[in-house]
Amino acid sequence: MKVDRFDHIVITTEDLEKCLYFYVDILEMELDNSNDRYAVKFGNQKINIHREKAEFLPAAQNVTYGSQDICLIAEGNIQDIKAEIEEKGYPIELGIVDRTGACGPIESIYLRDPDGNLVEISVYK
């Protein structure tokens, strides 16, 4: 077997409205609420959003709000991305910092979604 890529990840939210505001309005992902399920999409990936712990089975063994730490790769200039988020009035926890991504050096900013998940937004140098 050779694993190729991630297809989706799952986060669980205590407040769907606040969660969707963050991912759709702040990060500008596309909402998919088909089949009475919620997800946000970007590129060829998506984040499934569960409205309660173990909403769909099977599920992770220890579902906890705010336990995810994800890195999203963005296009463009990290300074412009930071400014865009600040203009929307959303707090940035840390940034701009140098990090190493899966394919080399990146510049990153960090913020938290409403459930406390750490979201790193990065641009490859």
N, C-alpha and C. Protein backbone atom coordinates (compact mmCIF):
# COMPACT_ATOMS: atom_id res chain seq x y z
N MET A 1 0.84 -1.18 0.00
CA MET A 1 0.00 0.00 0.00
C MET A 1 0.88 1.24 0.00
N LYS A 2 0.41 2.27 -0.71
CA LYS A 2 1.08 3.56 -0.69
C LYS A 2 0.01 4.63 -0.49
N VAL A 3 0.00 5.23 0.68
CA VAL A 3 -0.98 6.28 0.98
C VAL A 3 -0.65 7.50 0.13
N ASP A 4 -1.66 8.09 -0.48
CA ASP A 4 -1.47 9.19 -1.42
C ASP A 4 -1.69 10.56 -0.80
N ARG A 5 -2.77 10.74 -0.02
CA ARG A 5 -3.08 12.07 0.53
C ARG A 5 -4.24 11.95 1.52
N PHE A 6 -4.47 13.03 2.22
CA PHE A 6 -5.67 13.13 3.05
C PHE A 6 -6.85 13.44 2.15
N ASP A 7 -7.99 12.87 2.46
CA ASP A 7 -9.23 13.24 1.78
C ASP A 7 -10.01 14.23 2.63
N HIS A 8 -10.16 13.92 3.91
CA HIS A 8 -10.87 14.82 4.82
C HIS A 8 -10.43 14.57 6.25
N ILE A 9 -10.70 15.52 7.09
CA ILE A 9 -10.56 15.36 8.53
C ILE A 9 -11.91 15.71 9.14
N VAL A 10 -12.07 15.36 10.40
CA VAL A 10 -13.32 15.63 11.10
C VAL A 10 -13.03 16.47 12.34
N ILE A 11 -13.81 17.52 12.52
CA ILE A 11 -13.78 18.26 13.77
C ILE A 11 -15.18 18.22 14.36
N THR A 12 -15.25 18.31 15.66
CA THR A 12 -16.53 18.33 16.36
C THR A 12 -16.68 19.69 17.00
N THR A 13 -17.85 20.30 16.81
CA THR A 13 -18.07 21.65 17.31
C THR A 13 -19.19 21.69 18.34
N GLU A 14 -19.04 22.59 19.29
CA GLU A 14 -20.11 22.84 20.26
C GLU A 14 -21.10 23.85 19.72
N ASP A 15 -20.68 24.67 18.74
CA ASP A 15 -21.53 25.74 18.22
C ASP A 15 -21.37 25.80 16.70
N LEU A 16 -22.28 25.15 16.00
CA LEU A 16 -22.20 25.05 14.54
C LEU A 16 -22.15 26.42 13.87
N GLU A 17 -22.97 27.35 14.32
CA GLU A 17 -23.02 28.68 13.69
C GLU A 17 -21.67 29.39 13.79
N LYS A 18 -21.06 29.39 14.95
CA LYS A 18 -19.75 30.03 15.12
C LYS A 18 -18.68 29.31 14.31
N CYS A 19 -18.75 27.98 14.29
CA CYS A 19 -17.79 27.18 13.54
C CYS A 19 -17.87 27.51 12.05
N LEU A 20 -19.08 27.53 11.51
CA LEU A 20 -19.25 27.83 10.09
C LEU A 20 -18.83 29.26 9.77
N TYR A 21 -19.10 30.20 10.66
CA TYR A 21 -18.66 31.58 10.46
C TYR A 21 -17.14 31.62 10.27
N PHE A 22 -16.41 30.91 11.13
CA PHE A 22 -14.96 30.91 11.05
C PHE A 22 -14.48 30.33 9.72
N TYR A 23 -14.94 29.12 9.40
CA TYR A 23 -14.41 28.44 8.21
C TYR A 23 -14.94 29.00 6.90
N VAL A 24 -16.17 29.48 6.88
CA VAL A 24 -16.76 29.99 5.64
C VAL A 24 -16.49 31.49 5.48
N ASP A 25 -16.76 32.28 6.51
CA ASP A 25 -16.63 33.74 6.38
C ASP A 25 -15.20 34.24 6.58
N ILE A 26 -14.50 33.69 7.54
CA ILE A 26 -13.13 34.16 7.81
C ILE A 26 -12.14 33.50 6.86
N LEU A 27 -12.19 32.16 6.73
CA LEU A 27 -11.22 31.45 5.88
C LEU A 27 -11.71 31.24 4.45
N GLU A 28 -12.95 31.61 4.17
CA GLU A 28 -13.53 31.59 2.82
C GLU A 28 -13.56 30.20 2.19
N MET A 29 -13.86 29.19 3.00
CA MET A 29 -14.07 27.84 2.47
C MET A 29 -15.51 27.72 1.99
N GLU A 30 -15.77 26.74 1.16
CA GLU A 30 -17.10 26.50 0.59
C GLU A 30 -17.91 25.59 1.52
N LEU A 31 -19.12 26.00 1.85
CA LEU A 31 -19.99 25.20 2.71
C LEU A 31 -20.66 24.09 1.90
N ASP A 32 -20.67 22.90 2.44
CA ASP A 32 -21.40 21.76 1.87
C ASP A 32 -22.27 21.21 2.99
N ASN A 33 -23.59 21.40 2.88
CA ASN A 33 -24.48 20.86 3.90
C ASN A 33 -25.48 19.88 3.29
N SER A 34 -24.98 19.03 2.42
CA SER A 34 -25.83 18.02 1.81
C SER A 34 -26.03 16.85 2.77
N ASN A 35 -27.11 16.12 2.58
CA ASN A 35 -27.42 14.91 3.36
C ASN A 35 -27.52 15.17 4.87
N ASP A 36 -27.96 16.38 5.25
CA ASP A 36 -28.08 16.76 6.66
C ASP A 36 -26.76 16.62 7.40
N ARG A 37 -25.67 16.81 6.69
CA ARG A 37 -24.33 16.82 7.27
C ARG A 37 -23.68 18.14 6.90
N TYR A 38 -22.64 18.51 7.64
CA TYR A 38 -21.95 19.76 7.37
C TYR A 38 -20.48 19.49 7.10
N ALA A 39 -19.95 20.22 6.12
CA ALA A 39 -18.54 20.16 5.79
C ALA A 39 -18.16 21.49 5.15
N VAL A 40 -16.87 21.79 5.19
CA VAL A 40 -16.34 22.92 4.44
C VAL A 40 -15.28 22.36 3.50
N LYS A 41 -15.25 22.90 2.28
CA LYS A 41 -14.36 22.38 1.25
C LYS A 41 -13.40 23.46 0.77
N PHE A 42 -12.22 23.01 0.37
CA PHE A 42 -11.23 23.89 -0.24
C PHE A 42 -10.34 23.01 -1.09
N GLY A 43 -10.05 23.42 -2.31
CA GLY A 43 -9.26 22.58 -3.20
C GLY A 43 -9.89 21.20 -3.32
N ASN A 44 -9.10 20.15 -3.14
CA ASN A 44 -9.59 18.78 -3.21
C ASN A 44 -9.79 18.16 -1.83
N GLN A 45 -9.87 18.98 -0.80
CA GLN A 45 -10.00 18.50 0.56
C GLN A 45 -11.27 19.04 1.20
N LYS A 46 -11.61 18.43 2.34
CA LYS A 46 -12.72 18.97 3.11
C LYS A 46 -12.54 18.66 4.58
N ILE A 47 -13.24 19.45 5.37
CA ILE A 47 -13.31 19.23 6.80
C ILE A 47 -14.77 18.91 7.11
N ASN A 48 -15.02 17.71 7.58
CA ASN A 48 -16.36 17.35 8.03
C ASN A 48 -16.56 17.93 9.42
N ILE A 49 -17.74 18.48 9.65
CA ILE A 49 -18.04 19.10 10.93
C ILE A 49 -19.16 18.32 11.60
N HIS A 50 -18.85 17.74 12.74
CA HIS A 50 -19.85 17.02 13.51
C HIS A 50 -20.41 17.94 14.59
N ARG A 51 -21.72 17.86 14.78
CA ARG A 51 -22.41 18.74 15.71
C ARG A 51 -22.47 18.20 17.13
N GLU A 52 -22.04 16.99 17.32
CA GLU A 52 -21.96 16.40 18.66
C GLU A 52 -20.93 15.29 18.62
N LYS A 53 -20.46 14.92 19.78
CA LYS A 53 -19.45 13.86 19.86
C LYS A 53 -20.03 12.56 19.33
N ALA A 54 -19.26 11.90 18.46
CA ALA A 54 -19.66 10.62 17.85
C ALA A 54 -21.02 10.73 17.15
N GLU A 55 -21.23 11.83 16.45
CA GLU A 55 -22.49 12.02 15.71
C GLU A 55 -22.68 10.93 14.66
N PHE A 56 -21.59 10.54 14.03
CA PHE A 56 -21.63 9.47 13.04
C PHE A 56 -20.61 8.42 13.44
N LEU A 57 -20.98 7.16 13.30
CA LEU A 57 -20.11 6.07 13.72
C LEU A 57 -19.59 5.29 12.53
N PRO A 58 -18.37 4.77 12.61
CA PRO A 58 -17.48 4.85 13.75
C PRO A 58 -16.91 6.26 13.90
N ALA A 59 -16.40 6.54 15.10
CA ALA A 59 -15.83 7.86 15.41
C ALA A 59 -14.54 7.66 16.19
N ALA A 60 -13.78 8.72 16.31
CA ALA A 60 -12.57 8.67 17.13
C ALA A 60 -12.93 8.21 18.54
N GLN A 61 -12.00 7.59 19.19
CA GLN A 61 -12.27 7.02 20.51
C GLN A 61 -12.48 8.07 21.59
N ASN A 62 -11.74 9.16 21.52
CA ASN A 62 -11.81 10.20 22.55
C ASN A 62 -12.09 11.56 21.93
N VAL A 63 -13.28 11.75 21.42
CA VAL A 63 -13.65 13.01 20.77
C VAL A 63 -13.65 14.12 21.82
N THR A 64 -12.90 15.18 21.52
CA THR A 64 -12.80 16.32 22.43
C THR A 64 -12.83 17.60 21.62
N TYR A 65 -13.64 18.55 22.05
CA TYR A 65 -13.68 19.86 21.37
C TYR A 65 -12.30 20.52 21.48
N GLY A 66 -11.86 21.11 20.38
CA GLY A 66 -10.64 21.90 20.39
C GLY A 66 -9.34 21.11 20.46
N SER A 67 -9.36 19.85 20.05
CA SER A 67 -8.14 19.04 20.16
C SER A 67 -7.35 18.94 18.86
N GLN A 68 -7.83 19.57 17.81
CA GLN A 68 -7.14 19.48 16.51
C GLN A 68 -6.07 20.56 16.38
N ASP A 69 -5.06 20.25 15.62
CA ASP A 69 -3.98 21.17 15.29
C ASP A 69 -3.71 20.93 13.82
N ILE A 70 -4.20 21.82 12.96
CA ILE A 70 -4.10 21.60 11.52
C ILE A 70 -3.34 22.74 10.85
N CYS A 71 -2.71 22.43 9.74
CA CYS A 71 -1.98 23.42 8.95
C CYS A 71 -2.60 23.45 7.56
N LEU A 72 -3.00 24.64 7.16
CA LEU A 72 -3.60 24.85 5.84
C LEU A 72 -2.62 25.63 4.97
N ILE A 73 -2.36 25.15 3.78
CA ILE A 73 -1.48 25.85 2.85
C ILE A 73 -2.33 26.78 1.99
N ALA A 74 -1.92 28.03 1.96
CA ALA A 74 -2.65 29.05 1.20
C ALA A 74 -1.78 29.56 0.06
N GLU A 75 -2.44 30.15 -0.92
CA GLU A 75 -1.73 30.81 -2.02
C GLU A 75 -1.61 32.29 -1.67
N GLY A 76 -0.58 32.92 -2.19
CA GLY A 76 -0.43 34.35 -1.99
C GLY A 76 0.69 34.68 -1.02
N ASN A 77 0.60 35.88 -0.49
CA ASN A 77 1.62 36.44 0.38
C ASN A 77 1.12 36.36 1.82
N ILE A 78 1.92 35.85 2.73
CA ILE A 78 1.48 35.65 4.11
C ILE A 78 1.15 36.98 4.79
N GLN A 79 1.86 38.06 4.44
CA GLN A 79 1.55 39.37 5.02
C GLN A 79 0.14 39.82 4.60
N ASP A 80 -0.21 39.58 3.33
CA ASP A 80 -1.54 39.95 2.85
C ASP A 80 -2.62 39.10 3.51
N ILE A 81 -2.34 37.82 3.72
CA ILE A 81 -3.30 36.93 4.36
C ILE A 81 -3.53 37.37 5.80
N LYS A 82 -2.46 37.69 6.50
CA LYS A 82 -2.56 38.17 7.88
C LYS A 82 -3.40 39.45 7.93
N ALA A 83 -3.11 40.38 7.02
CA ALA A 83 -3.85 41.64 6.98
C ALA A 83 -5.33 41.41 6.69
N GLU A 84 -5.64 40.48 5.80
CA GLU A 84 -7.03 40.17 5.46
C GLU A 84 -7.80 39.65 6.68
N ILE A 85 -7.17 38.77 7.42
CA ILE A 85 -7.82 38.22 8.62
C ILE A 85 -8.00 39.31 9.67
N GLU A 86 -6.99 40.15 9.85
CA GLU A 86 -7.09 41.26 10.80
C GLU A 86 -8.19 42.23 10.40
N GLU A 87 -8.33 42.50 9.09
CA GLU A 87 -9.39 43.39 8.61
C GLU A 87 -10.77 42.84 8.92
N LYS A 88 -10.90 41.53 8.96
CA LYS A 88 -12.17 40.89 9.30
C LYS A 88 -12.41 40.90 10.81
N GLY A 89 -11.42 41.37 11.57
CA GLY A 89 -11.57 41.48 13.01
C GLY A 89 -11.34 40.19 13.77
N TYR A 90 -10.71 39.22 13.12
CA TYR A 90 -10.48 37.94 13.80
C TYR A 90 -9.09 37.93 14.42
N PRO A 91 -8.96 37.49 15.67
CA PRO A 91 -7.65 37.54 16.35
C PRO A 91 -6.67 36.51 15.82
N ILE A 92 -5.44 36.95 15.67
CA ILE A 92 -4.34 36.07 15.28
C ILE A 92 -3.53 35.80 16.54
N GLU A 93 -3.29 34.54 16.81
CA GLU A 93 -2.60 34.15 18.03
C GLU A 93 -1.09 34.33 17.93
N LEU A 94 -0.52 34.01 16.76
CA LEU A 94 0.92 34.11 16.56
C LEU A 94 1.20 34.27 15.08
N GLY A 95 2.17 35.07 14.77
CA GLY A 95 2.60 35.14 13.38
C GLY A 95 3.16 36.49 13.05
N ILE A 96 3.89 36.53 12.09
CA ILE A 96 4.34 35.61 11.05
C ILE A 96 5.62 34.93 11.54
N VAL A 97 5.67 33.59 11.43
CA VAL A 97 6.83 32.84 11.90
C VAL A 97 7.28 31.86 10.83
N ASP A 98 8.55 31.54 10.85
CA ASP A 98 9.10 30.54 9.93
C ASP A 98 8.89 29.15 10.51
N ARG A 99 8.45 28.23 9.67
CA ARG A 99 8.24 26.85 10.07
C ARG A 99 8.71 25.95 8.92
N THR A 100 8.59 24.64 9.12
CA THR A 100 8.91 23.69 8.07
C THR A 100 7.68 22.85 7.79
N GLY A 101 7.21 22.89 6.54
CA GLY A 101 6.06 22.09 6.12
C GLY A 101 6.51 20.76 5.54
N ALA A 102 5.56 20.01 5.04
CA ALA A 102 5.86 18.69 4.48
C ALA A 102 6.79 18.77 3.28
N CYS A 103 6.77 19.91 2.58
CA CYS A 103 7.57 20.04 1.35
C CYS A 103 8.65 21.12 1.45
N GLY A 104 8.92 21.60 2.67
CA GLY A 104 9.98 22.59 2.81
C GLY A 104 9.59 23.77 3.67
N PRO A 105 10.37 24.87 3.58
CA PRO A 105 10.16 26.05 4.43
C PRO A 105 8.83 26.76 4.13
N ILE A 106 8.15 27.15 5.21
CA ILE A 106 6.89 27.89 5.09
C ILE A 106 6.93 29.07 6.04
N GLU A 107 6.06 30.04 5.78
CA GLU A 107 5.79 31.13 6.71
C GLU A 107 4.36 30.93 7.20
N SER A 108 4.15 31.10 8.51
CA SER A 108 2.87 30.74 9.09
C SER A 108 2.31 31.81 10.02
N ILE A 109 0.99 31.81 10.11
CA ILE A 109 0.28 32.53 11.16
C ILE A 109 -0.62 31.51 11.84
N TYR A 110 -0.95 31.77 13.10
CA TYR A 110 -1.76 30.84 13.88
C TYR A 110 -2.99 31.56 14.42
N LEU A 111 -4.12 30.88 14.35
CA LEU A 111 -5.34 31.36 14.97
C LEU A 111 -6.10 30.16 15.51
N ARG A 112 -7.13 30.42 16.27
CA ARG A 112 -7.95 29.35 16.82
C ARG A 112 -9.37 29.49 16.32
N ASP A 113 -9.97 28.34 15.99
CA ASP A 113 -11.39 28.39 15.62
C ASP A 113 -12.20 28.52 16.90
N PRO A 114 -13.50 28.71 16.80
CA PRO A 114 -14.32 28.94 18.00
C PRO A 114 -14.30 27.80 19.01
N ASP A 115 -13.94 26.59 18.61
CA ASP A 115 -13.85 25.47 19.53
C ASP A 115 -12.48 25.33 20.16
N GLY A 116 -11.52 26.16 19.73
CA GLY A 116 -10.18 26.11 20.29
C GLY A 116 -9.18 25.32 19.47
N ASN A 117 -9.61 24.77 18.33
CA ASN A 117 -8.67 24.06 17.46
C ASN A 117 -7.63 25.06 16.95
N LEU A 118 -6.38 24.64 16.93
CA LEU A 118 -5.32 25.49 16.42
C LEU A 118 -5.27 25.36 14.90
N VAL A 119 -5.36 26.49 14.22
CA VAL A 119 -5.35 26.51 12.75
C VAL A 119 -4.15 27.33 12.30
N GLU A 120 -3.22 26.66 11.66
CA GLU A 120 -2.03 27.31 11.11
C GLU A 120 -2.29 27.55 9.64
N ILE A 121 -2.10 28.78 9.21
CA ILE A 121 -2.23 29.10 7.78
C ILE A 121 -0.83 29.44 7.29
N SER A 122 -0.41 28.74 6.24
CA SER A 122 0.97 28.84 5.80
C SER A 122 1.09 29.04 4.29
N VAL A 123 2.20 29.62 3.92
CA VAL A 123 2.56 29.82 2.53
C VAL A 123 3.99 29.30 2.35
N TYR A 124 4.20 28.48 1.33
CA TYR A 124 5.55 28.00 1.04
C TYR A 124 6.38 29.15 0.53
N LYS A 125 7.65 29.18 0.97
CA LYS A 125 8.59 30.22 0.53
C LYS A 125 9.07 29.93 -0.87
